[in-house]
Amino acid sequence: MFAVLALLSAACYGAADFLGGLTAKRASTVAIVVVSQLSGLLLLLIMFPLLPAALPVRGDFLWGALAGLTGGAGVALLYRALAIGVMAIVAPTTAVCAVAIPVLVAVGLGERPSVLAVGGIGLAIFAIGLISQSSHPDPTPREDSQNAVDSHMSAFSLALVSGVLVGLFFLALARTSDQAGLWPLVAARIVSVSLFAGMALVASQSLSLPTGIVGTVVAGGVLDMLANLLYMIATRSGPLSVVVTLASLYPASTVLLARVILHERLNARQWIGIACALVAVVAIVR
């Protein structure tokens, strides 16, 4: 069951990223993140009366707060890296780091996946890198080659840090206790919303959105929260190294949605990556 939950979380993460990409060019990134994450927080608060009573301890709130801080900062750095760098470099770098950090920590803490699962994890990481490859040309100006190199190096560095932070986000949520219920996610959302709202305040940036995209932004926030919820439940019933690997296959759903809805063409590397991801899922689940 934990494998199904992890895959569903990957689908929701990818769909949320897809909706975020649709709105990114029509409004401020900070405004989109604040509204979407606030929507996820409201969803949690609505769900609380329908759930059994939880017994969180101090550590659950601290892990949740760390998840909100690392997740929010990771998203901010990722958007910055995408703005100044090449997607074909930034996206796979971030995604692979995000899955590698929790897997290494899980193994260090004593998890011992089977040989078949280890092979599946390695194949999944390879698939993530292929799926994240973009067919779009390099947007960096060519007039100044040195500036282009500096921009690429800066974007790569930001992508590395972003991937580590997202990996820590996955790890922090996984460290919460079974009795904590949804409280760690509440703590995470309060911290992340406060972080981005504070950034907007410091930059004197408006958080208003065009009326036509509000529904899309809210839907993205709801899907992202559902993904977090499914991932956290999966980590409480399955090994972290396996769960985080399956959840990190989210780029596949993003590119497939772009193919179906926007009719974007996938390149050969992406098709190979999707095929590798399917094989990896079978290997990990077995």
C-alpha atoms as a PDB file:
ATOM      1  CA  MET A   1       0.000   0.000   0.000  1.00  0.00           C
ATOM      2  CA  PHE A   2       2.847   2.418   0.793  1.00  0.00           C
ATOM      3  CA  ALA A   3       4.125   2.068  -2.782  1.00  0.00           C
ATOM      4  CA  VAL A   4       0.710   3.042  -4.180  1.00  0.00           C
ATOM      5  CA  LEU A   5       0.553   6.050  -1.852  1.00  0.00           C
ATOM      6  CA  ALA A   6       4.069   7.133  -2.869  1.00  0.00           C
ATOM      7  CA  LEU A   7       3.204   6.877  -6.573  1.00  0.00           C
ATOM      8  CA  LEU A   8      -0.009   8.832  -6.025  1.00  0.00           C
ATOM      9  CA  SER A   9       2.013  11.510  -4.232  1.00  0.00           C
ATOM     10  CA  ALA A  10       4.367  11.670  -7.238  1.00  0.00           C
ATOM     11  CA  ALA A  11       1.376  12.139  -9.555  1.00  0.00           C
ATOM     12  CA  CYS A  12       0.037  14.961  -7.356  1.00  0.00           C
ATOM     13  CA  TYR A  13       3.461  16.641  -7.060  1.00  0.00           C
ATOM     14  CA  GLY A  14       3.858  16.537 -10.826  1.00  0.00           C
ATOM     15  CA  ALA A  15       0.350  17.897 -11.454  1.00  0.00           C
ATOM     16  CA  ALA A  16       0.957  20.718  -8.971  1.00  0.00           C
ATOM     17  CA  ASP A  17       4.206  21.624 -10.739  1.00  0.00           C
ATOM     18  CA  PHE A  18       2.403  21.558 -14.077  1.00  0.00           C
ATOM     19  CA  LEU A  19      -0.277  23.978 -12.836  1.00  0.00           C
ATOM     20  CA  GLY A  20       2.414  26.169 -11.318  1.00  0.00           C
ATOM     21  CA  GLY A  21       4.170  26.307 -14.660  1.00  0.00           C
ATOM     22  CA  LEU A  22       0.959  27.387 -16.380  1.00  0.00           C
ATOM     23  CA  THR A  23       0.614  30.408 -14.087  1.00  0.00           C
ATOM     24  CA  ALA A  24       4.278  31.327 -13.601  1.00  0.00           C
ATOM     25  CA  LYS A  25       4.370  33.619 -16.633  1.00  0.00           C
ATOM     26  CA  ARG A  26       1.205  35.496 -15.693  1.00  0.00           C
ATOM     27  CA  ALA A  27       1.937  36.547 -12.122  1.00  0.00           C
ATOM     28  CA  SER A  28       4.654  36.987  -9.517  1.00  0.00           C
ATOM     29  CA  THR A  29       6.269  33.739  -8.400  1.00  0.00           C
ATOM     30  CA  VAL A  30       6.121  34.806  -4.750  1.00  0.00           C
ATOM     31  CA  ALA A  31       2.410  35.643  -5.035  1.00  0.00           C
ATOM     32  CA  ILE A  32       1.694  32.268  -6.654  1.00  0.00           C
ATOM     33  CA  VAL A  33       3.573  30.370  -3.953  1.00  0.00           C
ATOM     34  CA  VAL A  34       1.905  32.269  -1.078  1.00  0.00           C
ATOM     35  CA  VAL A  35      -1.619  31.785  -2.462  1.00  0.00           C
ATOM     36  CA  SER A  36      -1.086  28.134  -3.400  1.00  0.00           C
ATOM     37  CA  GLN A  37       0.501  27.206  -0.079  1.00  0.00           C
ATOM     38  CA  LEU A  38      -2.162  29.101   1.853  1.00  0.00           C
ATOM     39  CA  SER A  39      -4.774  27.103  -0.081  1.00  0.00           C
ATOM     40  CA  GLY A  40      -3.103  23.895   1.057  1.00  0.00           C
ATOM     41  CA  LEU A  41      -3.137  25.104   4.658  1.00  0.00           C
ATOM     42  CA  LEU A  42      -6.856  25.877   4.467  1.00  0.00           C
ATOM     43  CA  LEU A  43      -7.477  22.383   3.062  1.00  0.00           C
ATOM     44  CA  LEU A  44      -5.731  20.886   6.078  1.00  0.00           C
ATOM     45  CA  LEU A  45      -7.795  22.947   8.509  1.00  0.00           C
ATOM     46  CA  ILE A  46     -11.006  21.838   6.778  1.00  0.00           C
ATOM     47  CA  MET A  47      -9.954  18.179   7.048  1.00  0.00           C
ATOM     48  CA  PHE A  48      -9.124  18.274  10.762  1.00  0.00           C
ATOM     49  CA  PRO A  49     -12.686  17.790  12.134  1.00  0.00           C
ATOM     50  CA  LEU A  50     -13.055  14.675   9.950  1.00  0.00           C
ATOM     51  CA  LEU A  51      -9.954  12.929  11.294  1.00  0.00           C
ATOM     52  CA  PRO A  52      -9.241  11.038  14.530  1.00  0.00           C
ATOM     53  CA  ALA A  53      -7.596  12.982  17.325  1.00  0.00           C
ATOM     54  CA  ALA A  54      -3.809  13.167  17.025  1.00  0.00           C
ATOM     55  CA  LEU A  55      -1.165  13.232  19.755  1.00  0.00           C
ATOM     56  CA  PRO A  56       1.761  15.225  18.368  1.00  0.00           C
ATOM     57  CA  VAL A  57       4.840  15.879  20.469  1.00  0.00           C
ATOM     58  CA  ARG A  58       7.244  18.788  20.347  1.00  0.00           C
ATOM     59  CA  GLY A  59       9.533  16.989  17.927  1.00  0.00           C
ATOM     60  CA  ASP A  60       6.732  16.629  15.375  1.00  0.00           C
ATOM     61  CA  PHE A  61       6.229  20.388  15.277  1.00  0.00           C
ATOM     62  CA  LEU A  62       9.968  20.976  14.996  1.00  0.00           C
ATOM     63  CA  TRP A  63      10.322  18.497  12.119  1.00  0.00           C
ATOM     64  CA  GLY A  64       7.293  20.089  10.457  1.00  0.00           C
ATOM     65  CA  ALA A  65       8.751  23.570  10.842  1.00  0.00           C
ATOM     66  CA  LEU A  66      12.046  22.344   9.364  1.00  0.00           C
ATOM     67  CA  ALA A  67      10.125  20.833   6.442  1.00  0.00           C
ATOM     68  CA  GLY A  68       8.397  24.169   5.816  1.00  0.00           C
ATOM     69  CA  LEU A  69      11.674  26.093   5.969  1.00  0.00           C
ATOM     70  CA  THR A  70      13.660  23.741   3.741  1.00  0.00           C
ATOM     71  CA  GLY A  71      10.805  23.148   1.310  1.00  0.00           C
ATOM     72  CA  GLY A  72      10.044  26.857   0.945  1.00  0.00           C
ATOM     73  CA  ALA A  73      13.688  27.825   0.517  1.00  0.00           C
ATOM     74  CA  GLY A  74      14.220  24.962  -1.923  1.00  0.00           C
ATOM     75  CA  VAL A  75      11.352  26.126  -4.122  1.00  0.00           C
ATOM     76  CA  ALA A  76      12.619  29.721  -4.081  1.00  0.00           C
ATOM     77  CA  LEU A  77      16.126  28.685  -5.125  1.00  0.00           C
ATOM     78  CA  LEU A  78      14.748  26.365  -7.805  1.00  0.00           C
ATOM     79  CA  TYR A  79      12.714  29.178  -9.379  1.00  0.00           C
ATOM     80  CA  ARG A  80      15.784  31.430  -9.314  1.00  0.00           C
ATOM     81  CA  ALA A  81      17.958  28.731 -10.899  1.00  0.00           C
ATOM     82  CA  LEU A  82      15.378  28.171 -13.645  1.00  0.00           C
ATOM     83  CA  ALA A  83      15.246  31.919 -14.283  1.00  0.00           C
ATOM     84  CA  ILE A  84      18.979  32.283 -14.929  1.00  0.00           C
ATOM     85  CA  GLY A  85      19.951  28.805 -16.109  1.00  0.00           C
ATOM     86  CA  VAL A  86      19.048  26.027 -18.493  1.00  0.00           C
ATOM     87  CA  MET A  87      16.143  23.774 -17.544  1.00  0.00           C
ATOM     88  CA  ALA A  88      17.896  20.694 -18.944  1.00  0.00           C
ATOM     89  CA  ILE A  89      20.624  21.201 -16.325  1.00  0.00           C
ATOM     90  CA  VAL A  90      18.697  22.704 -13.407  1.00  0.00           C
ATOM     91  CA  ALA A  91      15.701  20.333 -13.282  1.00  0.00           C
ATOM     92  CA  PRO A  92      17.545  16.982 -13.215  1.00  0.00           C
ATOM     93  CA  THR A  93      20.195  18.323 -10.827  1.00  0.00           C
ATOM     94  CA  THR A  94      17.552  19.373  -8.314  1.00  0.00           C
ATOM     95  CA  ALA A  95      15.446  16.232  -8.709  1.00  0.00           C
ATOM     96  CA  VAL A  96      18.343  13.799  -8.366  1.00  0.00           C
ATOM     97  CA  CYS A  97      19.737  15.581  -5.289  1.00  0.00           C
ATOM     98  CA  ALA A  98      16.254  15.611  -3.757  1.00  0.00           C
ATOM     99  CA  VAL A  99      15.993  11.819  -3.900  1.00  0.00           C
ATOM    100  CA  ALA A 100      19.659  11.019  -3.194  1.00  0.00           C
ATOM    101  CA  ILE A 101      19.831  12.824   0.171  1.00  0.00           C
ATOM    102  CA  PRO A 102      16.976  10.921   1.907  1.00  0.00           C
ATOM    103  CA  VAL A 103      18.048   7.594   0.386  1.00  0.00           C
ATOM    104  CA  LEU A 104      21.617   7.994   1.667  1.00  0.00           C
ATOM    105  CA  VAL A 105      20.386   9.029   5.112  1.00  0.00           C
ATOM    106  CA  ALA A 106      17.954   6.099   5.240  1.00  0.00           C
ATOM    107  CA  VAL A 107      20.722   3.630   4.382  1.00  0.00           C
ATOM    108  CA  GLY A 108      22.958   5.306   6.959  1.00  0.00           C
ATOM    109  CA  LEU A 109      20.256   4.828   9.593  1.00  0.00           C
ATOM    110  CA  GLY A 110      20.125   1.106   8.914  1.00  0.00           C
ATOM    111  CA  GLU A 111      17.687   0.490   6.059  1.00  0.00           C
ATOM    112  CA  ARG A 112      18.816  -2.384   3.852  1.00  0.00           C
ATOM    113  CA  PRO A 113      16.732  -2.587   0.660  1.00  0.00           C
ATOM    114  CA  SER A 114      16.906  -5.780  -1.364  1.00  0.00           C
ATOM    115  CA  VAL A 115      19.292  -6.034  -4.301  1.00  0.00           C
ATOM    116  CA  LEU A 116      16.359  -5.675  -6.708  1.00  0.00           C
ATOM    117  CA  ALA A 117      15.091  -2.581  -4.860  1.00  0.00           C
ATOM    118  CA  VAL A 118      18.578  -1.026  -4.896  1.00  0.00           C
ATOM    119  CA  GLY A 119      18.739  -1.567  -8.650  1.00  0.00           C
ATOM    120  CA  GLY A 120      15.294  -0.023  -9.011  1.00  0.00           C
ATOM    121  CA  ILE A 121      16.322   3.016  -6.947  1.00  0.00           C
ATOM    122  CA  GLY A 122      19.392   3.548  -9.106  1.00  0.00           C
ATOM    123  CA  LEU A 123      17.354   3.178 -12.292  1.00  0.00           C
ATOM    124  CA  ALA A 124      14.731   5.599 -10.933  1.00  0.00           C
ATOM    125  CA  ILE A 125      17.378   8.258 -10.242  1.00  0.00           C
ATOM    126  CA  PHE A 126      18.677   7.789 -13.790  1.00  0.00           C
ATOM    127  CA  ALA A 127      15.089   8.060 -15.102  1.00  0.00           C
ATOM    128  CA  ILE A 128      14.466  11.298 -13.198  1.00  0.00           C
ATOM    129  CA  GLY A 129      17.481  12.869 -14.871  1.00  0.00           C
ATOM    130  CA  LEU A 130      16.307  11.816 -18.338  1.00  0.00           C
ATOM    131  CA  ILE A 131      12.674  12.837 -17.854  1.00  0.00           C
ATOM    132  CA  SER A 132      13.697  16.298 -16.637  1.00  0.00           C
ATOM    133  CA  GLN A 133      15.642  17.001 -19.845  1.00  0.00           C
ATOM    134  CA  SER A 134      14.059  19.803 -21.849  1.00  0.00           C
ATOM    135  CA  SER A 135      13.823  20.081 -25.613  1.00  0.00           C
ATOM    136  CA  HIS A 136      13.812  23.877 -25.449  1.00  0.00           C
ATOM    137  CA  PRO A 137      16.907  25.722 -26.635  1.00  0.00           C
ATOM    138  CA  ASP A 138      19.312  27.346 -24.224  1.00  0.00           C
ATOM    139  CA  PRO A 139      17.806  30.775 -23.384  1.00  0.00           C
ATOM    140  CA  THR A 140      21.110  32.256 -22.238  1.00  0.00           C
ATOM    141  CA  PRO A 141      22.427  35.036 -24.520  1.00  0.00           C
ATOM    142  CA  ARG A 142      25.495  34.091 -26.520  1.00  0.00           C
ATOM    143  CA  GLU A 143      26.962  37.579 -26.981  1.00  0.00           C
ATOM    144  CA  ASP A 144      29.135  37.276 -23.887  1.00  0.00           C
ATOM    145  CA  SER A 145      30.401  33.715 -23.501  1.00  0.00           C
ATOM    146  CA  GLN A 146      32.002  34.406 -20.107  1.00  0.00           C
ATOM    147  CA  ASN A 147      28.739  35.771 -18.721  1.00  0.00           C
ATOM    148  CA  ALA A 148      26.950  32.710 -20.097  1.00  0.00           C
ATOM    149  CA  VAL A 149      29.413  30.374 -18.340  1.00  0.00           C
ATOM    150  CA  ASP A 150      29.077  32.310 -15.068  1.00  0.00           C
ATOM    151  CA  SER A 151      25.289  32.167 -15.337  1.00  0.00           C
ATOM    152  CA  HIS A 152      25.345  28.412 -15.926  1.00  0.00           C
ATOM    153  CA  MET A 153      27.680  27.818 -12.972  1.00  0.00           C
ATOM    154  CA  SER A 154      25.541  29.988 -10.706  1.00  0.00           C
ATOM    155  CA  ALA A 155      22.352  28.206 -11.798  1.00  0.00           C
ATOM    156  CA  PHE A 156      23.999  24.810 -11.274  1.00  0.00           C
ATOM    157  CA  SER A 157      25.093  25.807  -7.762  1.00  0.00           C
ATOM    158  CA  LEU A 158      21.604  27.027  -6.916  1.00  0.00           C
ATOM    159  CA  ALA A 159      20.134  23.804  -8.306  1.00  0.00           C
ATOM    160  CA  LEU A 160      22.444  21.727  -6.102  1.00  0.00           C
ATOM    161  CA  VAL A 161      21.475  23.667  -2.969  1.00  0.00           C
ATOM    162  CA  SER A 162      17.801  23.541  -3.963  1.00  0.00           C
ATOM    163  CA  GLY A 163      17.966  19.771  -4.403  1.00  0.00           C
ATOM    164  CA  VAL A 164      19.600  19.320  -1.002  1.00  0.00           C
ATOM    165  CA  LEU A 165      16.921  21.479   0.639  1.00  0.00           C
ATOM    166  CA  VAL A 166      14.082  19.585  -1.042  1.00  0.00           C
ATOM    167  CA  GLY A 167      15.734  16.332   0.028  1.00  0.00           C
ATOM    168  CA  LEU A 168      15.822  17.637   3.611  1.00  0.00           C
ATOM    169  CA  PHE A 169      12.121  18.516   3.257  1.00  0.00           C
ATOM    170  CA  PHE A 170      11.345  14.896   2.339  1.00  0.00           C
ATOM    171  CA  LEU A 171      13.537  13.688   5.182  1.00  0.00           C
ATOM    172  CA  ALA A 172      11.985  16.023   7.780  1.00  0.00           C
ATOM    173  CA  LEU A 173       8.421  14.925   6.995  1.00  0.00           C
ATOM    174  CA  ALA A 174       9.488  11.300   7.203  1.00  0.00           C
ATOM    175  CA  ARG A 175      10.891  11.813  10.716  1.00  0.00           C
ATOM    176  CA  THR A 176       7.508  12.766  12.211  1.00  0.00           C
ATOM    177  CA  SER A 177       5.747  10.235  14.423  1.00  0.00           C
ATOM    178  CA  ASP A 178       2.740   8.107  13.492  1.00  0.00           C
ATOM    179  CA  GLN A 179       0.675   9.739  16.243  1.00  0.00           C
ATOM    180  CA  ALA A 180       1.276  13.278  14.973  1.00  0.00           C
ATOM    181  CA  GLY A 181      -1.580  13.240  12.475  1.00  0.00           C
ATOM    182  CA  LEU A 182      -1.511  16.231  10.135  1.00  0.00           C
ATOM    183  CA  TRP A 183       0.054  18.638  12.614  1.00  0.00           C
ATOM    184  CA  PRO A 184       3.559  18.481  11.057  1.00  0.00           C
ATOM    185  CA  LEU A 185       2.073  19.608   7.733  1.00  0.00           C
ATOM    186  CA  VAL A 186       0.278  22.484   9.476  1.00  0.00           C
ATOM    187  CA  ALA A 187       3.556  23.600  11.029  1.00  0.00           C
ATOM    188  CA  ALA A 188       5.310  23.271   7.663  1.00  0.00           C
ATOM    189  CA  ARG A 189       2.716  25.349   5.851  1.00  0.00           C
ATOM    190  CA  ILE A 190       2.656  28.111   8.469  1.00  0.00           C
ATOM    191  CA  VAL A 191       6.435  28.428   8.219  1.00  0.00           C
ATOM    192  CA  SER A 192       6.541  28.377   4.393  1.00  0.00           C
ATOM    193  CA  VAL A 193       3.661  30.851   3.976  1.00  0.00           C
ATOM    194  CA  SER A 194       5.266  33.174   6.520  1.00  0.00           C
ATOM    195  CA  LEU A 195       8.619  32.871   4.719  1.00  0.00           C
ATOM    196  CA  PHE A 196       7.281  33.849   1.291  1.00  0.00           C
ATOM    197  CA  ALA A 197       4.920  36.494   2.660  1.00  0.00           C
ATOM    198  CA  GLY A 198       7.889  37.992   4.494  1.00  0.00           C
ATOM    199  CA  MET A 199       9.895  37.997   1.255  1.00  0.00           C
ATOM    200  CA  ALA A 200       7.065  39.858  -0.472  1.00  0.00           C
ATOM    201  CA  LEU A 201       6.887  42.374   2.362  1.00  0.00           C
ATOM    202  CA  VAL A 202      10.624  43.058   2.288  1.00  0.00           C
ATOM    203  CA  ALA A 203      10.540  43.472  -1.501  1.00  0.00           C
ATOM    204  CA  SER A 204       7.332  45.571  -1.335  1.00  0.00           C
ATOM    205  CA  GLN A 205       5.799  43.114  -3.766  1.00  0.00           C
ATOM    206  CA  SER A 206       2.059  42.727  -4.263  1.00  0.00           C
ATOM    207  CA  LEU A 207       0.474  39.330  -3.600  1.00  0.00           C
ATOM    208  CA  SER A 208      -2.532  39.945  -5.831  1.00  0.00           C
ATOM    209  CA  LEU A 209      -3.211  37.576  -8.729  1.00  0.00           C
ATOM    210  CA  PRO A 210      -5.069  38.062 -12.029  1.00  0.00           C
ATOM    211  CA  THR A 211      -8.625  36.794 -11.625  1.00  0.00           C
ATOM    212  CA  GLY A 212      -8.250  34.286 -14.460  1.00  0.00           C
ATOM    213  CA  ILE A 213      -5.541  32.228 -12.749  1.00  0.00           C
ATOM    214  CA  VAL A 214      -6.710  32.209  -9.128  1.00  0.00           C
ATOM    215  CA  GLY A 215      -8.530  28.884  -9.542  1.00  0.00           C
ATOM    216  CA  THR A 216      -5.493  27.267 -11.160  1.00  0.00           C
ATOM    217  CA  VAL A 217      -3.188  28.500  -8.394  1.00  0.00           C
ATOM    218  CA  VAL A 218      -5.558  27.234  -5.695  1.00  0.00           C
ATOM    219  CA  ALA A 219      -5.843  23.852  -7.448  1.00  0.00           C
ATOM    220  CA  GLY A 220      -2.059  23.614  -7.569  1.00  0.00           C
ATOM    221  CA  GLY A 221      -1.845  24.331  -3.845  1.00  0.00           C
ATOM    222  CA  VAL A 222      -4.466  21.688  -3.034  1.00  0.00           C
ATOM    223  CA  LEU A 223      -2.663  19.075  -5.156  1.00  0.00           C
ATOM    224  CA  ASP A 224       0.670  19.911  -3.558  1.00  0.00           C
ATOM    225  CA  MET A 225      -0.825  19.463  -0.088  1.00  0.00           C
ATOM    226  CA  LEU A 226      -2.418  16.160  -1.096  1.00  0.00           C
ATOM    227  CA  ALA A 227       0.984  15.045  -2.369  1.00  0.00           C
ATOM    228  CA  ASN A 228       2.601  15.947   0.967  1.00  0.00           C
ATOM    229  CA  LEU A 229      -0.130  14.118   2.860  1.00  0.00           C
ATOM    230  CA  LEU A 230       0.160  10.954   0.752  1.00  0.00           C
ATOM    231  CA  TYR A 231       3.961  11.026   1.005  1.00  0.00           C
ATOM    232  CA  MET A 232       3.922  11.435   4.794  1.00  0.00           C
ATOM    233  CA  ILE A 233       1.453   8.557   5.235  1.00  0.00           C
ATOM    234  CA  ALA A 234       3.564   6.371   2.931  1.00  0.00           C
ATOM    235  CA  THR A 235       6.726   7.028   4.965  1.00  0.00           C
ATOM    236  CA  ARG A 236       4.910   5.846   8.108  1.00  0.00           C
ATOM    237  CA  SER A 237       4.232   2.429   6.612  1.00  0.00           C
ATOM    238  CA  GLY A 238       7.153   1.793   4.271  1.00  0.00           C
ATOM    239  CA  PRO A 239      10.953   2.187   4.051  1.00  0.00           C
ATOM    240  CA  LEU A 240      12.043   5.783   3.402  1.00  0.00           C
ATOM    241  CA  SER A 241      14.549   4.853   0.683  1.00  0.00           C
ATOM    242  CA  VAL A 242      11.785   3.241  -1.384  1.00  0.00           C
ATOM    243  CA  VAL A 243       9.022   5.759  -0.644  1.00  0.00           C
ATOM    244  CA  VAL A 244      11.091   8.859  -1.410  1.00  0.00           C
ATOM    245  CA  THR A 245      12.359   7.324  -4.657  1.00  0.00           C
ATOM    246  CA  LEU A 246       8.836   6.583  -5.883  1.00  0.00           C
ATOM    247  CA  ALA A 247       7.567  10.006  -4.796  1.00  0.00           C
ATOM    248  CA  SER A 248      10.460  11.675  -6.617  1.00  0.00           C
ATOM    249  CA  LEU A 249       9.272  10.346  -9.966  1.00  0.00           C
ATOM    250  CA  TYR A 250       6.987  13.405 -10.131  1.00  0.00           C
ATOM    251  CA  PRO A 251       8.678  14.881 -13.250  1.00  0.00           C
ATOM    252  CA  ALA A 252       7.057  12.051 -15.231  1.00  0.00           C
ATOM    253  CA  SER A 253       3.527  13.249 -14.520  1.00  0.00           C
ATOM    254  CA  THR A 254       4.531  16.842 -15.263  1.00  0.00           C
ATOM    255  CA  VAL A 255       5.876  16.059 -18.725  1.00  0.00           C
ATOM    256  CA  LEU A 256       2.999  13.680 -19.515  1.00  0.00           C
ATOM    257  CA  LEU A 257       0.444  16.366 -18.602  1.00  0.00           C
ATOM    258  CA  ALA A 258       2.312  18.818 -20.808  1.00  0.00           C
ATOM    259  CA  ARG A 259       2.142  16.255 -23.618  1.00  0.00           C
ATOM    260  CA  VAL A 260      -1.594  15.568 -23.224  1.00  0.00           C
ATOM    261  CA  ILE A 261      -2.897  19.060 -22.405  1.00  0.00           C
ATOM    262  CA  LEU A 262      -0.396  21.388 -24.082  1.00  0.00           C
ATOM    263  CA  HIS A 263       0.550  18.954 -26.865  1.00  0.00           C
ATOM    264  CA  GLU A 264       4.233  19.437 -26.124  1.00  0.00           C
ATOM    265  CA  ARG A 265       6.485  16.946 -27.856  1.00  0.00           C
ATOM    266  CA  LEU A 266       8.693  14.737 -25.705  1.00  0.00           C
ATOM    267  CA  ASN A 267      12.248  14.148 -26.857  1.00  0.00           C
ATOM    268  CA  ALA A 268      13.863  10.722 -27.078  1.00  0.00           C
ATOM    269  CA  ARG A 269      15.596  11.090 -23.704  1.00  0.00           C
ATOM    270  CA  GLN A 270      12.286  11.788 -21.970  1.00  0.00           C
ATOM    271  CA  TRP A 271      10.587   8.756 -23.526  1.00  0.00           C
ATOM    272  CA  ILE A 272      13.533   6.583 -22.475  1.00  0.00           C
ATOM    273  CA  GLY A 273      13.315   8.108 -18.990  1.00  0.00           C
ATOM    274  CA  ILE A 274       9.611   7.274 -18.714  1.00  0.00           C
ATOM    275  CA  ALA A 275      10.299   3.701 -19.783  1.00  0.00           C
ATOM    276  CA  CYS A 276      13.103   3.435 -17.223  1.00  0.00           C
ATOM    277  CA  ALA A 277      10.797   4.850 -14.553  1.00  0.00           C
ATOM    278  CA  LEU A 278       8.190   2.163 -15.237  1.00  0.00           C
ATOM    279  CA  VAL A 279      10.805  -0.579 -14.998  1.00  0.00           C
ATOM    280  CA  ALA A 280      12.178   0.989 -11.817  1.00  0.00           C
ATOM    281  CA  VAL A 281       8.725   1.056 -10.209  1.00  0.00           C
ATOM    282  CA  VAL A 282       8.242  -2.647 -10.940  1.00  0.00           C
ATOM    283  CA  ALA A 283      11.679  -3.496  -9.517  1.00  0.00           C
ATOM    284  CA  ILE A 284      11.155  -1.410  -6.358  1.00  0.00           C
ATOM    285  CA  VAL A 285       7.650  -2.663  -5.647  1.00  0.00           C
ATOM    286  CA  ARG A 286       8.647  -6.321  -6.117  1.00  0.00           C
END
